[in-house]
PDBML (XML) file of the C-alpha atoms, coordinates in Angstrom:
<?xml version="1.0" encoding="UTF-8" ?>
<PDBx:datablock datablockName="MODEL"
   xmlns:PDBx="http://pdbml.pdb.org/schema/pdbx-v50.xsd"
   xmlns:xsi="http://www.w3.org/2001/XMLSchema-instance"
   xsi:schemaLocation="http://pdbml.pdb.org/schema/pdbx-v50.xsd pdbx-v50.xsd">
   <PDBx:atom_siteCategory>
      <PDBx:atom_site id="1">
         <PDBx:B_iso_or_equiv>0.00</PDBx:B_iso_or_equiv>
         <PDBx:Cartn_x>46.495</PDBx:Cartn_x>
         <PDBx:Cartn_y>-45.200</PDBx:Cartn_y>
         <PDBx:Cartn_z>-15.841</PDBx:Cartn_z>
         <PDBx:auth_asym_id>A</PDBx:auth_asym_id>
         <PDBx:auth_atom_id>CA</PDBx:auth_atom_id>
         <PDBx:auth_comp_id>ILE</PDBx:auth_comp_id>
         <PDBx:auth_seq_id>1</PDBx:auth_seq_id>
         <PDBx:group_PDB>ATOM</PDBx:group_PDB>
         <PDBx:label_alt_id xsi:nil="true" />
         <PDBx:label_asym_id>A</PDBx:label_asym_id>
         <PDBx:label_atom_id>CA</PDBx:label_atom_id>
         <PDBx:label_comp_id>ILE</PDBx:label_comp_id>
         <PDBx:label_entity_id>1</PDBx:label_entity_id>
         <PDBx:label_seq_id>1</PDBx:label_seq_id>
         <PDBx:occupancy>1.00</PDBx:occupancy>
         <PDBx:pdbx_PDB_model_num>1</PDBx:pdbx_PDB_model_num>
         <PDBx:type_symbol>C</PDBx:type_symbol>
      </PDBx:atom_site>
      <PDBx:atom_site id="2">
         <PDBx:B_iso_or_equiv>0.00</PDBx:B_iso_or_equiv>
         <PDBx:Cartn_x>44.470</PDBx:Cartn_x>
         <PDBx:Cartn_y>-42.291</PDBx:Cartn_y>
         <PDBx:Cartn_z>-14.442</PDBx:Cartn_z>
         <PDBx:auth_asym_id>A</PDBx:auth_asym_id>
         <PDBx:auth_atom_id>CA</PDBx:auth_atom_id>
         <PDBx:auth_comp_id>GLU</PDBx:auth_comp_id>
         <PDBx:auth_seq_id>2</PDBx:auth_seq_id>
         <PDBx:group_PDB>ATOM</PDBx:group_PDB>
         <PDBx:label_alt_id xsi:nil="true" />
         <PDBx:label_asym_id>A</PDBx:label_asym_id>
         <PDBx:label_atom_id>CA</PDBx:label_atom_id>
         <PDBx:label_comp_id>GLU</PDBx:label_comp_id>
         <PDBx:label_entity_id>1</PDBx:label_entity_id>
         <PDBx:label_seq_id>2</PDBx:label_seq_id>
         <PDBx:occupancy>1.00</PDBx:occupancy>
         <PDBx:pdbx_PDB_model_num>1</PDBx:pdbx_PDB_model_num>
         <PDBx:type_symbol>C</PDBx:type_symbol>
      </PDBx:atom_site>
      <PDBx:atom_site id="3">
         <PDBx:B_iso_or_equiv>0.00</PDBx:B_iso_or_equiv>
         <PDBx:Cartn_x>45.229</PDBx:Cartn_x>
         <PDBx:Cartn_y>-41.851</PDBx:Cartn_y>
         <PDBx:Cartn_z>-10.361</PDBx:Cartn_z>
         <PDBx:auth_asym_id>A</PDBx:auth_asym_id>
         <PDBx:auth_atom_id>CA</PDBx:auth_atom_id>
         <PDBx:auth_comp_id>MET</PDBx:auth_comp_id>
         <PDBx:auth_seq_id>3</PDBx:auth_seq_id>
         <PDBx:group_PDB>ATOM</PDBx:group_PDB>
         <PDBx:label_alt_id xsi:nil="true" />
         <PDBx:label_asym_id>A</PDBx:label_asym_id>
         <PDBx:label_atom_id>CA</PDBx:label_atom_id>
         <PDBx:label_comp_id>MET</PDBx:label_comp_id>
         <PDBx:label_entity_id>1</PDBx:label_entity_id>
         <PDBx:label_seq_id>3</PDBx:label_seq_id>
         <PDBx:occupancy>1.00</PDBx:occupancy>
         <PDBx:pdbx_PDB_model_num>1</PDBx:pdbx_PDB_model_num>
         <PDBx:type_symbol>C</PDBx:type_symbol>
      </PDBx:atom_site>
      <PDBx:atom_site id="4">
         <PDBx:B_iso_or_equiv>0.00</PDBx:B_iso_or_equiv>
         <PDBx:Cartn_x>42.230</PDBx:Cartn_x>
         <PDBx:Cartn_y>-40.100</PDBx:Cartn_y>
         <PDBx:Cartn_z>-8.666</PDBx:Cartn_z>
         <PDBx:auth_asym_id>A</PDBx:auth_asym_id>
         <PDBx:auth_atom_id>CA</PDBx:auth_atom_id>
         <PDBx:auth_comp_id>ASP</PDBx:auth_comp_id>
         <PDBx:auth_seq_id>4</PDBx:auth_seq_id>
         <PDBx:group_PDB>ATOM</PDBx:group_PDB>
         <PDBx:label_alt_id xsi:nil="true" />
         <PDBx:label_asym_id>A</PDBx:label_asym_id>
         <PDBx:label_atom_id>CA</PDBx:label_atom_id>
         <PDBx:label_comp_id>ASP</PDBx:label_comp_id>
         <PDBx:label_entity_id>1</PDBx:label_entity_id>
         <PDBx:label_seq_id>4</PDBx:label_seq_id>
         <PDBx:occupancy>1.00</PDBx:occupancy>
         <PDBx:pdbx_PDB_model_num>1</PDBx:pdbx_PDB_model_num>
         <PDBx:type_symbol>C</PDBx:type_symbol>
      </PDBx:atom_site>
      <PDBx:atom_site id="5">
         <PDBx:B_iso_or_equiv>0.00</PDBx:B_iso_or_equiv>
         <PDBx:Cartn_x>43.296</PDBx:Cartn_x>
         <PDBx:Cartn_y>-39.130</PDBx:Cartn_y>
         <PDBx:Cartn_z>-4.541</PDBx:Cartn_z>
         <PDBx:auth_asym_id>A</PDBx:auth_asym_id>
         <PDBx:auth_atom_id>CA</PDBx:auth_atom_id>
         <PDBx:auth_comp_id>LEU</PDBx:auth_comp_id>
         <PDBx:auth_seq_id>5</PDBx:auth_seq_id>
         <PDBx:group_PDB>ATOM</PDBx:group_PDB>
         <PDBx:label_alt_id xsi:nil="true" />
         <PDBx:label_asym_id>A</PDBx:label_asym_id>
         <PDBx:label_atom_id>CA</PDBx:label_atom_id>
         <PDBx:label_comp_id>LEU</PDBx:label_comp_id>
         <PDBx:label_entity_id>1</PDBx:label_entity_id>
         <PDBx:label_seq_id>5</PDBx:label_seq_id>
         <PDBx:occupancy>1.00</PDBx:occupancy>
         <PDBx:pdbx_PDB_model_num>1</PDBx:pdbx_PDB_model_num>
         <PDBx:type_symbol>C</PDBx:type_symbol>
      </PDBx:atom_site>
      <PDBx:atom_site id="6">
         <PDBx:B_iso_or_equiv>0.00</PDBx:B_iso_or_equiv>
         <PDBx:Cartn_x>40.919</PDBx:Cartn_x>
         <PDBx:Cartn_y>-37.681</PDBx:Cartn_y>
         <PDBx:Cartn_z>-2.165</PDBx:Cartn_z>
         <PDBx:auth_asym_id>A</PDBx:auth_asym_id>
         <PDBx:auth_atom_id>CA</PDBx:auth_atom_id>
         <PDBx:auth_comp_id>ALA</PDBx:auth_comp_id>
         <PDBx:auth_seq_id>6</PDBx:auth_seq_id>
         <PDBx:group_PDB>ATOM</PDBx:group_PDB>
         <PDBx:label_alt_id xsi:nil="true" />
         <PDBx:label_asym_id>A</PDBx:label_asym_id>
         <PDBx:label_atom_id>CA</PDBx:label_atom_id>
         <PDBx:label_comp_id>ALA</PDBx:label_comp_id>
         <PDBx:label_entity_id>1</PDBx:label_entity_id>
         <PDBx:label_seq_id>6</PDBx:label_seq_id>
         <PDBx:occupancy>1.00</PDBx:occupancy>
         <PDBx:pdbx_PDB_model_num>1</PDBx:pdbx_PDB_model_num>
         <PDBx:type_symbol>C</PDBx:type_symbol>
      </PDBx:atom_site>
      <PDBx:atom_site id="7">
         <PDBx:B_iso_or_equiv>0.00</PDBx:B_iso_or_equiv>
         <PDBx:Cartn_x>42.083</PDBx:Cartn_x>
         <PDBx:Cartn_y>-36.442</PDBx:Cartn_y>
         <PDBx:Cartn_z>1.238</PDBx:Cartn_z>
         <PDBx:auth_asym_id>A</PDBx:auth_asym_id>
         <PDBx:auth_atom_id>CA</PDBx:auth_atom_id>
         <PDBx:auth_comp_id>TYR</PDBx:auth_comp_id>
         <PDBx:auth_seq_id>7</PDBx:auth_seq_id>
         <PDBx:group_PDB>ATOM</PDBx:group_PDB>
         <PDBx:label_alt_id xsi:nil="true" />
         <PDBx:label_asym_id>A</PDBx:label_asym_id>
         <PDBx:label_atom_id>CA</PDBx:label_atom_id>
         <PDBx:label_comp_id>TYR</PDBx:label_comp_id>
         <PDBx:label_entity_id>1</PDBx:label_entity_id>
         <PDBx:label_seq_id>7</PDBx:label_seq_id>
         <PDBx:occupancy>1.00</PDBx:occupancy>
         <PDBx:pdbx_PDB_model_num>1</PDBx:pdbx_PDB_model_num>
         <PDBx:type_symbol>C</PDBx:type_symbol>
      </PDBx:atom_site>
      <PDBx:atom_site id="8">
         <PDBx:B_iso_or_equiv>0.00</PDBx:B_iso_or_equiv>
         <PDBx:Cartn_x>39.970</PDBx:Cartn_x>
         <PDBx:Cartn_y>-35.677</PDBx:Cartn_y>
         <PDBx:Cartn_z>4.342</PDBx:Cartn_z>
         <PDBx:auth_asym_id>A</PDBx:auth_asym_id>
         <PDBx:auth_atom_id>CA</PDBx:auth_atom_id>
         <PDBx:auth_comp_id>TYR</PDBx:auth_comp_id>
         <PDBx:auth_seq_id>8</PDBx:auth_seq_id>
         <PDBx:group_PDB>ATOM</PDBx:group_PDB>
         <PDBx:label_alt_id xsi:nil="true" />
         <PDBx:label_asym_id>A</PDBx:label_asym_id>
         <PDBx:label_atom_id>CA</PDBx:label_atom_id>
         <PDBx:label_comp_id>TYR</PDBx:label_comp_id>
         <PDBx:label_entity_id>1</PDBx:label_entity_id>
         <PDBx:label_seq_id>8</PDBx:label_seq_id>
         <PDBx:occupancy>1.00</PDBx:occupancy>
         <PDBx:pdbx_PDB_model_num>1</PDBx:pdbx_PDB_model_num>
         <PDBx:type_symbol>C</PDBx:type_symbol>
      </PDBx:atom_site>
      <PDBx:atom_site id="9">
         <PDBx:B_iso_or_equiv>0.00</PDBx:B_iso_or_equiv>
         <PDBx:Cartn_x>41.140</PDBx:Cartn_x>
         <PDBx:Cartn_y>-34.072</PDBx:Cartn_y>
         <PDBx:Cartn_z>7.438</PDBx:Cartn_z>
         <PDBx:auth_asym_id>A</PDBx:auth_asym_id>
         <PDBx:auth_atom_id>CA</PDBx:auth_atom_id>
         <PDBx:auth_comp_id>ALA</PDBx:auth_comp_id>
         <PDBx:auth_seq_id>9</PDBx:auth_seq_id>
         <PDBx:group_PDB>ATOM</PDBx:group_PDB>
         <PDBx:label_alt_id xsi:nil="true" />
         <PDBx:label_asym_id>A</PDBx:label_asym_id>
         <PDBx:label_atom_id>CA</PDBx:label_atom_id>
         <PDBx:label_comp_id>ALA</PDBx:label_comp_id>
         <PDBx:label_entity_id>1</PDBx:label_entity_id>
         <PDBx:label_seq_id>9</PDBx:label_seq_id>
         <PDBx:occupancy>1.00</PDBx:occupancy>
         <PDBx:pdbx_PDB_model_num>1</PDBx:pdbx_PDB_model_num>
         <PDBx:type_symbol>C</PDBx:type_symbol>
      </PDBx:atom_site>
      <PDBx:atom_site id="10">
         <PDBx:B_iso_or_equiv>0.00</PDBx:B_iso_or_equiv>
         <PDBx:Cartn_x>38.322</PDBx:Cartn_x>
         <PDBx:Cartn_y>-35.264</PDBx:Cartn_y>
         <PDBx:Cartn_z>9.285</PDBx:Cartn_z>
         <PDBx:auth_asym_id>A</PDBx:auth_asym_id>
         <PDBx:auth_atom_id>CA</PDBx:auth_atom_id>
         <PDBx:auth_comp_id>GLN</PDBx:auth_comp_id>
         <PDBx:auth_seq_id>10</PDBx:auth_seq_id>
         <PDBx:group_PDB>ATOM</PDBx:group_PDB>
         <PDBx:label_alt_id xsi:nil="true" />
         <PDBx:label_asym_id>A</PDBx:label_asym_id>
         <PDBx:label_atom_id>CA</PDBx:label_atom_id>
         <PDBx:label_comp_id>GLN</PDBx:label_comp_id>
         <PDBx:label_entity_id>1</PDBx:label_entity_id>
         <PDBx:label_seq_id>10</PDBx:label_seq_id>
         <PDBx:occupancy>1.00</PDBx:occupancy>
         <PDBx:pdbx_PDB_model_num>1</PDBx:pdbx_PDB_model_num>
         <PDBx:type_symbol>C</PDBx:type_symbol>
      </PDBx:atom_site>
      <PDBx:atom_site id="11">
         <PDBx:B_iso_or_equiv>0.00</PDBx:B_iso_or_equiv>
         <PDBx:Cartn_x>36.673</PDBx:Cartn_x>
         <PDBx:Cartn_y>-37.850</PDBx:Cartn_y>
         <PDBx:Cartn_z>7.522</PDBx:Cartn_z>
         <PDBx:auth_asym_id>A</PDBx:auth_asym_id>
         <PDBx:auth_atom_id>CA</PDBx:auth_atom_id>
         <PDBx:auth_comp_id>PRO</PDBx:auth_comp_id>
         <PDBx:auth_seq_id>11</PDBx:auth_seq_id>
         <PDBx:group_PDB>ATOM</PDBx:group_PDB>
         <PDBx:label_alt_id xsi:nil="true" />
         <PDBx:label_asym_id>A</PDBx:label_asym_id>
         <PDBx:label_atom_id>CA</PDBx:label_atom_id>
         <PDBx:label_comp_id>PRO</PDBx:label_comp_id>
         <PDBx:label_entity_id>1</PDBx:label_entity_id>
         <PDBx:label_seq_id>11</PDBx:label_seq_id>
         <PDBx:occupancy>1.00</PDBx:occupancy>
         <PDBx:pdbx_PDB_model_num>1</PDBx:pdbx_PDB_model_num>
         <PDBx:type_symbol>C</PDBx:type_symbol>
      </PDBx:atom_site>
      <PDBx:atom_site id="12">
         <PDBx:B_iso_or_equiv>0.00</PDBx:B_iso_or_equiv>
         <PDBx:Cartn_x>33.207</PDBx:Cartn_x>
         <PDBx:Cartn_y>-38.398</PDBx:Cartn_y>
         <PDBx:Cartn_z>9.241</PDBx:Cartn_z>
         <PDBx:auth_asym_id>A</PDBx:auth_asym_id>
         <PDBx:auth_atom_id>CA</PDBx:auth_atom_id>
         <PDBx:auth_comp_id>ARG</PDBx:auth_comp_id>
         <PDBx:auth_seq_id>12</PDBx:auth_seq_id>
         <PDBx:group_PDB>ATOM</PDBx:group_PDB>
         <PDBx:label_alt_id xsi:nil="true" />
         <PDBx:label_asym_id>A</PDBx:label_asym_id>
         <PDBx:label_atom_id>CA</PDBx:label_atom_id>
         <PDBx:label_comp_id>ARG</PDBx:label_comp_id>
         <PDBx:label_entity_id>1</PDBx:label_entity_id>
         <PDBx:label_seq_id>12</PDBx:label_seq_id>
         <PDBx:occupancy>1.00</PDBx:occupancy>
         <PDBx:pdbx_PDB_model_num>1</PDBx:pdbx_PDB_model_num>
         <PDBx:type_symbol>C</PDBx:type_symbol>
      </PDBx:atom_site>
      <PDBx:atom_site id="13">
         <PDBx:B_iso_or_equiv>0.00</PDBx:B_iso_or_equiv>
         <PDBx:Cartn_x>33.154</PDBx:Cartn_x>
         <PDBx:Cartn_y>-41.523</PDBx:Cartn_y>
         <PDBx:Cartn_z>11.677</PDBx:Cartn_z>
         <PDBx:auth_asym_id>A</PDBx:auth_asym_id>
         <PDBx:auth_atom_id>CA</PDBx:auth_atom_id>
         <PDBx:auth_comp_id>VAL</PDBx:auth_comp_id>
         <PDBx:auth_seq_id>13</PDBx:auth_seq_id>
         <PDBx:group_PDB>ATOM</PDBx:group_PDB>
         <PDBx:label_alt_id xsi:nil="true" />
         <PDBx:label_asym_id>A</PDBx:label_asym_id>
         <PDBx:label_atom_id>CA</PDBx:label_atom_id>
         <PDBx:label_comp_id>VAL</PDBx:label_comp_id>
         <PDBx:label_entity_id>1</PDBx:label_entity_id>
         <PDBx:label_seq_id>13</PDBx:label_seq_id>
         <PDBx:occupancy>1.00</PDBx:occupancy>
         <PDBx:pdbx_PDB_model_num>1</PDBx:pdbx_PDB_model_num>
         <PDBx:type_symbol>C</PDBx:type_symbol>
      </PDBx:atom_site>
      <PDBx:atom_site id="14">
         <PDBx:B_iso_or_equiv>0.00</PDBx:B_iso_or_equiv>
         <PDBx:Cartn_x>31.192</PDBx:Cartn_x>
         <PDBx:Cartn_y>-44.108</PDBx:Cartn_y>
         <PDBx:Cartn_z>10.031</PDBx:Cartn_z>
         <PDBx:auth_asym_id>A</PDBx:auth_asym_id>
         <PDBx:auth_atom_id>CA</PDBx:auth_atom_id>
         <PDBx:auth_comp_id>GLY</PDBx:auth_comp_id>
         <PDBx:auth_seq_id>14</PDBx:auth_seq_id>
         <PDBx:group_PDB>ATOM</PDBx:group_PDB>
         <PDBx:label_alt_id xsi:nil="true" />
         <PDBx:label_asym_id>A</PDBx:label_asym_id>
         <PDBx:label_atom_id>CA</PDBx:label_atom_id>
         <PDBx:label_comp_id>GLY</PDBx:label_comp_id>
         <PDBx:label_entity_id>1</PDBx:label_entity_id>
         <PDBx:label_seq_id>14</PDBx:label_seq_id>
         <PDBx:occupancy>1.00</PDBx:occupancy>
         <PDBx:pdbx_PDB_model_num>1</PDBx:pdbx_PDB_model_num>
         <PDBx:type_symbol>C</PDBx:type_symbol>
      </PDBx:atom_site>
      <PDBx:atom_site id="15">
         <PDBx:B_iso_or_equiv>0.00</PDBx:B_iso_or_equiv>
         <PDBx:Cartn_x>31.562</PDBx:Cartn_x>
         <PDBx:Cartn_y>-42.898</PDBx:Cartn_y>
         <PDBx:Cartn_z>6.593</PDBx:Cartn_z>
         <PDBx:auth_asym_id>A</PDBx:auth_asym_id>
         <PDBx:auth_atom_id>CA</PDBx:auth_atom_id>
         <PDBx:auth_comp_id>SER</PDBx:auth_comp_id>
         <PDBx:auth_seq_id>15</PDBx:auth_seq_id>
         <PDBx:group_PDB>ATOM</PDBx:group_PDB>
         <PDBx:label_alt_id xsi:nil="true" />
         <PDBx:label_asym_id>A</PDBx:label_asym_id>
         <PDBx:label_atom_id>CA</PDBx:label_atom_id>
         <PDBx:label_comp_id>SER</PDBx:label_comp_id>
         <PDBx:label_entity_id>1</PDBx:label_entity_id>
         <PDBx:label_seq_id>15</PDBx:label_seq_id>
         <PDBx:occupancy>1.00</PDBx:occupancy>
         <PDBx:pdbx_PDB_model_num>1</PDBx:pdbx_PDB_model_num>
         <PDBx:type_symbol>C</PDBx:type_symbol>
      </PDBx:atom_site>
      <PDBx:atom_site id="16">
         <PDBx:B_iso_or_equiv>0.00</PDBx:B_iso_or_equiv>
         <PDBx:Cartn_x>32.856</PDBx:Cartn_x>
         <PDBx:Cartn_y>-44.855</PDBx:Cartn_y>
         <PDBx:Cartn_z>3.508</PDBx:Cartn_z>
         <PDBx:auth_asym_id>A</PDBx:auth_asym_id>
         <PDBx:auth_atom_id>CA</PDBx:auth_atom_id>
         <PDBx:auth_comp_id>SER</PDBx:auth_comp_id>
         <PDBx:auth_seq_id>16</PDBx:auth_seq_id>
         <PDBx:group_PDB>ATOM</PDBx:group_PDB>
         <PDBx:label_alt_id xsi:nil="true" />
         <PDBx:label_asym_id>A</PDBx:label_asym_id>
         <PDBx:label_atom_id>CA</PDBx:label_atom_id>
         <PDBx:label_comp_id>SER</PDBx:label_comp_id>
         <PDBx:label_entity_id>1</PDBx:label_entity_id>
         <PDBx:label_seq_id>16</PDBx:label_seq_id>
         <PDBx:occupancy>1.00</PDBx:occupancy>
         <PDBx:pdbx_PDB_model_num>1</PDBx:pdbx_PDB_model_num>
         <PDBx:type_symbol>C</PDBx:type_symbol>
      </PDBx:atom_site>
      <PDBx:atom_site id="17">
         <PDBx:B_iso_or_equiv>0.00</PDBx:B_iso_or_equiv>
         <PDBx:Cartn_x>35.257</PDBx:Cartn_x>
         <PDBx:Cartn_y>-42.248</PDBx:Cartn_y>
         <PDBx:Cartn_z>2.129</PDBx:Cartn_z>
         <PDBx:auth_asym_id>A</PDBx:auth_asym_id>
         <PDBx:auth_atom_id>CA</PDBx:auth_atom_id>
         <PDBx:auth_comp_id>MET</PDBx:auth_comp_id>
         <PDBx:auth_seq_id>17</PDBx:auth_seq_id>
         <PDBx:group_PDB>ATOM</PDBx:group_PDB>
         <PDBx:label_alt_id xsi:nil="true" />
         <PDBx:label_asym_id>A</PDBx:label_asym_id>
         <PDBx:label_atom_id>CA</PDBx:label_atom_id>
         <PDBx:label_comp_id>MET</PDBx:label_comp_id>
         <PDBx:label_entity_id>1</PDBx:label_entity_id>
         <PDBx:label_seq_id>17</PDBx:label_seq_id>
         <PDBx:occupancy>1.00</PDBx:occupancy>
         <PDBx:pdbx_PDB_model_num>1</PDBx:pdbx_PDB_model_num>
         <PDBx:type_symbol>C</PDBx:type_symbol>
      </PDBx:atom_site>
      <PDBx:atom_site id="18">
         <PDBx:B_iso_or_equiv>0.00</PDBx:B_iso_or_equiv>
         <PDBx:Cartn_x>33.263</PDBx:Cartn_x>
         <PDBx:Cartn_y>-42.635</PDBx:Cartn_y>
         <PDBx:Cartn_z>-1.410</PDBx:Cartn_z>
         <PDBx:auth_asym_id>A</PDBx:auth_asym_id>
         <PDBx:auth_atom_id>CA</PDBx:auth_atom_id>
         <PDBx:auth_comp_id>HIS</PDBx:auth_comp_id>
         <PDBx:auth_seq_id>18</PDBx:auth_seq_id>
         <PDBx:group_PDB>ATOM</PDBx:group_PDB>
         <PDBx:label_alt_id xsi:nil="true" />
         <PDBx:label_asym_id>A</PDBx:label_asym_id>
         <PDBx:label_atom_id>CA</PDBx:label_atom_id>
         <PDBx:label_comp_id>HIS</PDBx:label_comp_id>
         <PDBx:label_entity_id>1</PDBx:label_entity_id>
         <PDBx:label_seq_id>18</PDBx:label_seq_id>
         <PDBx:occupancy>1.00</PDBx:occupancy>
         <PDBx:pdbx_PDB_model_num>1</PDBx:pdbx_PDB_model_num>
         <PDBx:type_symbol>C</PDBx:type_symbol>
      </PDBx:atom_site>
      <PDBx:atom_site id="19">
         <PDBx:B_iso_or_equiv>0.00</PDBx:B_iso_or_equiv>
         <PDBx:Cartn_x>34.231</PDBx:Cartn_x>
         <PDBx:Cartn_y>-45.832</PDBx:Cartn_y>
         <PDBx:Cartn_z>-1.762</PDBx:Cartn_z>
         <PDBx:auth_asym_id>A</PDBx:auth_asym_id>
         <PDBx:auth_atom_id>CA</PDBx:auth_atom_id>
         <PDBx:auth_comp_id>SER</PDBx:auth_comp_id>
         <PDBx:auth_seq_id>19</PDBx:auth_seq_id>
         <PDBx:group_PDB>ATOM</PDBx:group_PDB>
         <PDBx:label_alt_id xsi:nil="true" />
         <PDBx:label_asym_id>A</PDBx:label_asym_id>
         <PDBx:label_atom_id>CA</PDBx:label_atom_id>
         <PDBx:label_comp_id>SER</PDBx:label_comp_id>
         <PDBx:label_entity_id>1</PDBx:label_entity_id>
         <PDBx:label_seq_id>19</PDBx:label_seq_id>
         <PDBx:occupancy>1.00</PDBx:occupancy>
         <PDBx:pdbx_PDB_model_num>1</PDBx:pdbx_PDB_model_num>
         <PDBx:type_symbol>C</PDBx:type_symbol>
      </PDBx:atom_site>
      <PDBx:atom_site id="20">
         <PDBx:B_iso_or_equiv>0.00</PDBx:B_iso_or_equiv>
         <PDBx:Cartn_x>34.150</PDBx:Cartn_x>
         <PDBx:Cartn_y>-47.474</PDBx:Cartn_y>
         <PDBx:Cartn_z>-5.434</PDBx:Cartn_z>
         <PDBx:auth_asym_id>A</PDBx:auth_asym_id>
         <PDBx:auth_atom_id>CA</PDBx:auth_atom_id>
         <PDBx:auth_comp_id>PRO</PDBx:auth_comp_id>
         <PDBx:auth_seq_id>20</PDBx:auth_seq_id>
         <PDBx:group_PDB>ATOM</PDBx:group_PDB>
         <PDBx:label_alt_id xsi:nil="true" />
         <PDBx:label_asym_id>A</PDBx:label_asym_id>
         <PDBx:label_atom_id>CA</PDBx:label_atom_id>
         <PDBx:label_comp_id>PRO</PDBx:label_comp_id>
         <PDBx:label_entity_id>1</PDBx:label_entity_id>
         <PDBx:label_seq_id>20</PDBx:label_seq_id>
         <PDBx:occupancy>1.00</PDBx:occupancy>
         <PDBx:pdbx_PDB_model_num>1</PDBx:pdbx_PDB_model_num>
         <PDBx:type_symbol>C</PDBx:type_symbol>
      </PDBx:atom_site>
      <PDBx:atom_site id="21">
         <PDBx:B_iso_or_equiv>0.00</PDBx:B_iso_or_equiv>
         <PDBx:Cartn_x>31.844</PDBx:Cartn_x>
         <PDBx:Cartn_y>-49.975</PDBx:Cartn_y>
         <PDBx:Cartn_z>-4.276</PDBx:Cartn_z>
         <PDBx:auth_asym_id>A</PDBx:auth_asym_id>
         <PDBx:auth_atom_id>CA</PDBx:auth_atom_id>
         <PDBx:auth_comp_id>LEU</PDBx:auth_comp_id>
         <PDBx:auth_seq_id>21</PDBx:auth_seq_id>
         <PDBx:group_PDB>ATOM</PDBx:group_PDB>
         <PDBx:label_alt_id xsi:nil="true" />
         <PDBx:label_asym_id>A</PDBx:label_asym_id>
         <PDBx:label_atom_id>CA</PDBx:label_atom_id>
         <PDBx:label_comp_id>LEU</PDBx:label_comp_id>
         <PDBx:label_entity_id>1</PDBx:label_entity_id>
         <PDBx:label_seq_id>21</PDBx:label_seq_id>
         <PDBx:occupancy>1.00</PDBx:occupancy>
         <PDBx:pdbx_PDB_model_num>1</PDBx:pdbx_PDB_model_num>
         <PDBx:type_symbol>C</PDBx:type_symbol>
      </PDBx:atom_site>
      <PDBx:atom_site id="22">
         <PDBx:B_iso_or_equiv>0.00</PDBx:B_iso_or_equiv>
         <PDBx:Cartn_x>29.293</PDBx:Cartn_x>
         <PDBx:Cartn_y>-47.620</PDBx:Cartn_y>
         <PDBx:Cartn_z>-2.680</PDBx:Cartn_z>
         <PDBx:auth_asym_id>A</PDBx:auth_asym_id>
         <PDBx:auth_atom_id>CA</PDBx:auth_atom_id>
         <PDBx:auth_comp_id>ASN</PDBx:auth_comp_id>
         <PDBx:auth_seq_id>22</PDBx:auth_seq_id>
         <PDBx:group_PDB>ATOM</PDBx:group_PDB>
         <PDBx:label_alt_id xsi:nil="true" />
         <PDBx:label_asym_id>A</PDBx:label_asym_id>
         <PDBx:label_atom_id>CA</PDBx:label_atom_id>
         <PDBx:label_comp_id>ASN</PDBx:label_comp_id>
         <PDBx:label_entity_id>1</PDBx:label_entity_id>
         <PDBx:label_seq_id>22</PDBx:label_seq_id>
         <PDBx:occupancy>1.00</PDBx:occupancy>
         <PDBx:pdbx_PDB_model_num>1</PDBx:pdbx_PDB_model_num>
         <PDBx:type_symbol>C</PDBx:type_symbol>
      </PDBx:atom_site>
      <PDBx:atom_site id="23">
         <PDBx:B_iso_or_equiv>0.00</PDBx:B_iso_or_equiv>
         <PDBx:Cartn_x>29.655</PDBx:Cartn_x>
         <PDBx:Cartn_y>-44.638</PDBx:Cartn_y>
         <PDBx:Cartn_z>-5.687</PDBx:Cartn_z>
         <PDBx:auth_asym_id>A</PDBx:auth_asym_id>
         <PDBx:auth_atom_id>CA</PDBx:auth_atom_id>
         <PDBx:auth_comp_id>CYS</PDBx:auth_comp_id>
         <PDBx:auth_seq_id>23</PDBx:auth_seq_id>
         <PDBx:group_PDB>ATOM</PDBx:group_PDB>
         <PDBx:label_alt_id xsi:nil="true" />
         <PDBx:label_asym_id>A</PDBx:label_asym_id>
         <PDBx:label_atom_id>CA</PDBx:label_atom_id>
         <PDBx:label_comp_id>CYS</PDBx:label_comp_id>
         <PDBx:label_entity_id>1</PDBx:label_entity_id>
         <PDBx:label_seq_id>23</PDBx:label_seq_id>
         <PDBx:occupancy>1.00</PDBx:occupancy>
         <PDBx:pdbx_PDB_model_num>1</PDBx:pdbx_PDB_model_num>
         <PDBx:type_symbol>C</PDBx:type_symbol>
      </PDBx:atom_site>
      <PDBx:atom_site id="24">
         <PDBx:B_iso_or_equiv>0.00</PDBx:B_iso_or_equiv>
         <PDBx:Cartn_x>29.951</PDBx:Cartn_x>
         <PDBx:Cartn_y>-46.711</PDBx:Cartn_y>
         <PDBx:Cartn_z>-8.933</PDBx:Cartn_z>
         <PDBx:auth_asym_id>A</PDBx:auth_asym_id>
         <PDBx:auth_atom_id>CA</PDBx:auth_atom_id>
         <PDBx:auth_comp_id>LEU</PDBx:auth_comp_id>
         <PDBx:auth_seq_id>24</PDBx:auth_seq_id>
         <PDBx:group_PDB>ATOM</PDBx:group_PDB>
         <PDBx:label_alt_id xsi:nil="true" />
         <PDBx:label_asym_id>A</PDBx:label_asym_id>
         <PDBx:label_atom_id>CA</PDBx:label_atom_id>
         <PDBx:label_comp_id>LEU</PDBx:label_comp_id>
         <PDBx:label_entity_id>1</PDBx:label_entity_id>
         <PDBx:label_seq_id>24</PDBx:label_seq_id>
         <PDBx:occupancy>1.00</PDBx:occupancy>
         <PDBx:pdbx_PDB_model_num>1</PDBx:pdbx_PDB_model_num>
         <PDBx:type_symbol>C</PDBx:type_symbol>
      </PDBx:atom_site>
   </PDBx:atom_siteCategory>
</PDBx:datablock>
């Protein structure tokens, strides 16, 4: 199982934080 964890100290309000549904 591949684990991919991305942390954002201040994610842009209104962003999707690179959601797979948007990026893939």
